[in-house]
Amino acid sequence: MTFPEADTPPALQTQVSELRDEAWPPDSPSAPATWAHDPALRPVSMLLVDDATVLAALDILTKEFVHAGQRYRAAGLSTVVTRGAARGKGHGRRLVTAAHAAMATMNLDIGVFTCDRPLQPFYESAGWQHLPGAVLIGGTPLAPFPSDRPGFDKVTMADFFSPLGRSHRSSFPHSRIELYPGEIDKLW
């Protein structure tokens, strides 16, 4: 099921919040201050639901950015989570694969996001490609939030959906990608 984030039915949104709290307990240092995304990033929620139970959820955020002098229409994955009791059954991979396919139809040039290094094979199995040496810079130009900051062990994942994106693919590995999604979604 896919909804603009603000239009997600309350009963499903409650379950998604519970899944996020399970994955990132509110008192843990990795828990975000808020689960709400910046509306300027046009958040879309994708849910894998079985018999009214949310098994997995993620959000797709979009924006334009400039890299190596070229403007790109981009989207990325955020808050990917699978219900603890349902892990290991392929639900997360199924949802991430569906998100990859959906993004390929969204008139984007590139899909790009970061993930914890141990999750790289998982995302690759769902159609994403590792961008070796690439650093995604989140936050804002005045308050940058790079994915290579101390204490992070992130890798950058991507795919190139348009002819423009594919023709400039070589400019992304081993580069600093100034995404700057803002103060709310510092890094996707």
Protein backbone atom coordinates (compact mmCIF):
# COMPACT_ATOMS: atom_id res chain seq x y z
CA MET A 1 0.00 0.00 0.00
CA THR A 2 1.25 3.46 -0.88
CA PHE A 3 0.07 6.77 0.54
CA PRO A 4 1.30 10.33 0.79
CA GLU A 5 2.64 10.24 4.36
CA ALA A 6 -0.02 12.66 5.64
CA ASP A 7 -2.81 10.47 4.18
CA THR A 8 -1.73 7.18 5.75
CA PRO A 9 -4.78 5.77 7.59
CA PRO A 10 -4.42 6.31 11.35
CA ALA A 11 -4.65 2.60 12.24
CA LEU A 12 -1.78 1.81 9.86
CA GLN A 13 0.24 4.83 10.98
CA THR A 14 -0.08 3.66 14.60
CA GLN A 15 1.37 0.27 13.63
CA VAL A 16 4.20 1.93 11.68
CA SER A 17 5.03 4.04 14.75
CA GLU A 18 5.11 0.90 16.88
CA LEU A 19 7.47 -0.80 14.39
CA ARG A 20 9.79 2.20 14.43
CA ASP A 21 9.80 2.32 18.22
CA GLU A 22 10.62 -1.40 18.24
CA ALA A 23 13.53 -0.91 15.82
CA TRP A 24 14.76 2.36 17.31
CA PRO A 25 13.61 2.59 20.96
CA PRO A 26 12.79 6.19 21.87
CA ASP A 27 15.50 6.30 24.55
CA SER A 28 18.26 5.01 22.23
CA PRO A 29 20.83 7.45 20.82
CA SER A 30 19.97 6.38 17.24
CA ALA A 31 16.27 7.24 17.57
CA PRO A 32 15.25 10.36 15.64
CA ALA A 33 13.68 13.23 17.56
CA THR A 34 10.61 12.92 15.35
CA TRP A 35 9.31 10.43 12.82
CA ALA A 36 7.53 13.11 10.80
CA HIS A 37 9.29 14.05 7.60
CA ASP A 38 9.70 17.51 6.14
CA PRO A 39 6.63 18.08 3.91
CA ALA A 40 8.93 19.85 1.40
CA LEU A 41 10.43 16.41 0.64
CA ARG A 42 6.99 15.12 -0.44
CA PRO A 43 7.14 11.98 1.75
CA VAL A 44 5.37 8.89 0.47
CA SER A 45 4.84 5.91 2.78
CA MET A 46 4.96 2.36 1.42
CA LEU A 47 3.59 -0.40 3.62
CA LEU A 48 3.55 -4.16 3.25
CA VAL A 49 0.29 -5.19 4.91
CA ASP A 50 -1.08 -8.68 5.49
CA ASP A 51 -4.58 -9.05 6.92
CA ALA A 52 -4.52 -5.50 8.41
CA THR A 53 -1.07 -6.05 9.98
CA VAL A 54 1.85 -3.90 8.82
CA LEU A 55 4.77 -6.26 8.23
CA ALA A 56 7.21 -3.69 6.83
CA ALA A 57 7.26 0.03 6.11
CA LEU A 58 9.43 2.67 4.50
CA ASP A 59 9.21 6.23 3.28
CA ILE A 60 10.37 7.74 0.00
CA LEU A 61 11.60 11.34 0.11
CA THR A 62 12.22 13.47 -3.00
CA LYS A 63 14.06 16.65 -3.90
CA GLU A 64 16.29 18.19 -6.52
CA PHE A 65 19.99 18.73 -5.96
CA VAL A 66 23.06 19.79 -7.92
CA HIS A 67 26.11 17.54 -8.29
CA ALA A 68 29.17 18.32 -10.40
CA GLY A 69 27.31 21.22 -12.01
CA GLN A 70 24.26 19.16 -13.05
CA ARG A 71 20.75 19.34 -11.52
CA TYR A 72 19.10 16.00 -10.68
CA ARG A 73 15.60 14.93 -9.62
CA ALA A 74 16.25 12.51 -6.78
CA ALA A 75 14.53 10.34 -4.20
CA GLY A 76 15.76 8.20 -1.36
CA LEU A 77 14.58 5.63 1.14
CA SER A 78 14.02 6.56 4.76
CA THR A 79 12.94 4.73 7.94
CA VAL A 80 12.95 1.24 6.43
CA VAL A 81 11.65 -1.16 9.07
CA THR A 82 10.27 -4.71 9.35
CA ARG A 83 8.19 -6.05 12.23
CA GLY A 84 10.55 -7.98 14.54
CA ALA A 85 8.42 -11.13 14.56
CA ALA A 86 8.27 -11.08 10.74
CA ARG A 87 12.00 -10.62 10.04
CA GLY A 88 13.90 -13.14 7.98
CA LYS A 89 10.91 -13.96 5.76
CA GLY A 90 11.71 -11.62 2.86
CA HIS A 91 9.14 -8.93 3.72
CA GLY A 92 11.70 -6.11 3.94
CA ARG A 93 13.37 -7.14 0.68
CA ARG A 94 9.98 -7.37 -1.02
CA LEU A 95 9.07 -3.83 0.10
CA VAL A 96 12.48 -2.31 -0.75
CA THR A 97 12.32 -4.00 -4.18
CA ALA A 98 8.83 -2.54 -4.70
CA ALA A 99 10.10 0.90 -3.68
CA HIS A 100 12.95 0.59 -6.19
CA ALA A 101 10.47 -0.31 -8.94
CA ALA A 102 8.16 2.57 -7.94
CA MET A 103 11.01 5.05 -7.98
CA ALA A 104 11.94 3.92 -11.49
CA THR A 105 8.51 5.21 -12.62
CA MET A 106 8.59 8.53 -10.70
CA ASN A 107 10.35 10.69 -13.33
CA LEU A 108 13.58 10.68 -11.29
CA ASP A 109 17.17 10.87 -12.45
CA ILE A 110 18.61 9.09 -9.44
CA GLY A 111 17.66 7.23 -6.30
CA VAL A 112 20.24 7.73 -3.56
CA PHE A 113 20.39 7.08 0.20
CA THR A 114 22.65 5.82 2.95
CA CYS A 115 22.44 2.67 4.99
CA ASP A 116 24.48 1.00 7.71
CA ARG A 117 27.41 -0.84 6.11
CA PRO A 118 26.19 -4.32 7.18
CA LEU A 119 22.92 -3.71 5.25
CA GLN A 120 24.66 -3.14 1.91
CA PRO A 121 24.10 -6.74 0.66
CA PHE A 122 20.42 -6.52 1.62
CA TYR A 123 19.88 -3.37 -0.46
CA GLU A 124 21.92 -4.77 -3.34
CA SER A 125 19.66 -7.83 -3.36
CA ALA A 126 16.70 -5.44 -3.83
CA GLY A 127 18.19 -3.76 -6.92
CA TRP A 128 20.33 -0.99 -5.42
CA GLN A 129 23.99 -0.40 -6.24
CA HIS A 130 26.77 0.62 -3.85
CA LEU A 131 28.51 3.89 -4.73
CA PRO A 132 32.03 3.19 -3.46
CA GLY A 133 33.65 6.09 -1.65
CA ALA A 134 30.58 8.32 -2.04
CA VAL A 135 29.58 10.48 0.93
CA LEU A 136 26.06 11.84 1.13
CA ILE A 137 25.96 15.26 2.78
CA GLY A 138 22.72 15.93 4.58
CA GLY A 139 21.56 18.75 6.79
CA THR A 140 21.93 22.20 5.27
CA PRO A 141 24.84 24.12 3.72
CA LEU A 142 25.20 26.04 7.02
CA ALA A 143 24.85 22.90 9.17
CA PRO A 144 26.09 19.96 7.05
CA PHE A 145 25.50 16.39 8.22
CA PRO A 146 27.85 14.11 6.23
CA SER A 147 27.48 10.33 6.15
CA ASP A 148 31.19 9.93 6.94
CA ARG A 149 30.95 11.75 10.27
CA PRO A 150 32.71 10.16 13.27
CA GLY A 151 30.78 7.26 14.75
CA PHE A 152 28.85 6.53 11.54
CA ASP A 153 29.51 3.44 9.46
CA LYS A 154 27.41 4.25 6.41
CA VAL A 155 27.59 3.40 2.73
CA THR A 156 25.82 5.21 -0.08
CA MET A 157 23.42 3.24 -2.27
CA ALA A 158 21.95 4.41 -5.58
CA ASP A 159 20.42 3.64 -8.92
CA PHE A 160 20.24 5.77 -12.04
CA PHE A 161 16.80 5.92 -13.60
CA SER A 162 16.94 8.48 -16.43
CA PRO A 163 19.25 8.90 -19.41
CA LEU A 164 20.63 12.01 -17.68
CA GLY A 165 21.37 10.07 -14.50
CA ARG A 166 22.90 7.13 -16.35
CA SER A 167 25.09 9.39 -18.50
CA HIS A 168 26.54 11.08 -15.39
CA ARG A 169 26.82 7.97 -13.21
CA SER A 170 30.62 8.14 -13.22
CA SER A 171 30.59 11.46 -11.34
CA PHE A 172 29.06 9.89 -8.20
CA PRO A 173 31.48 7.22 -6.86
CA HIS A 174 34.27 8.66 -4.66
CA SER A 175 32.52 12.03 -4.40
CA ARG A 176 30.77 14.19 -1.85
CA ILE A 177 27.09 14.44 -2.83
CA GLU A 178 25.56 17.65 -1.45
CA LEU A 179 21.96 16.52 -1.00
CA TYR A 180 21.07 18.91 1.87
CA PRO A 181 17.55 17.63 2.69
CA GLY A 182 17.25 20.07 5.62
CA GLU A 183 17.06 20.16 9.39
CA ILE A 184 14.23 17.63 9.87
CA ASP A 185 15.47 14.84 7.60
CA LYS A 186 19.15 15.46 8.07
CA LEU A 187 20.16 12.36 6.16
CA TRP A 188 18.10 9.87 4.24
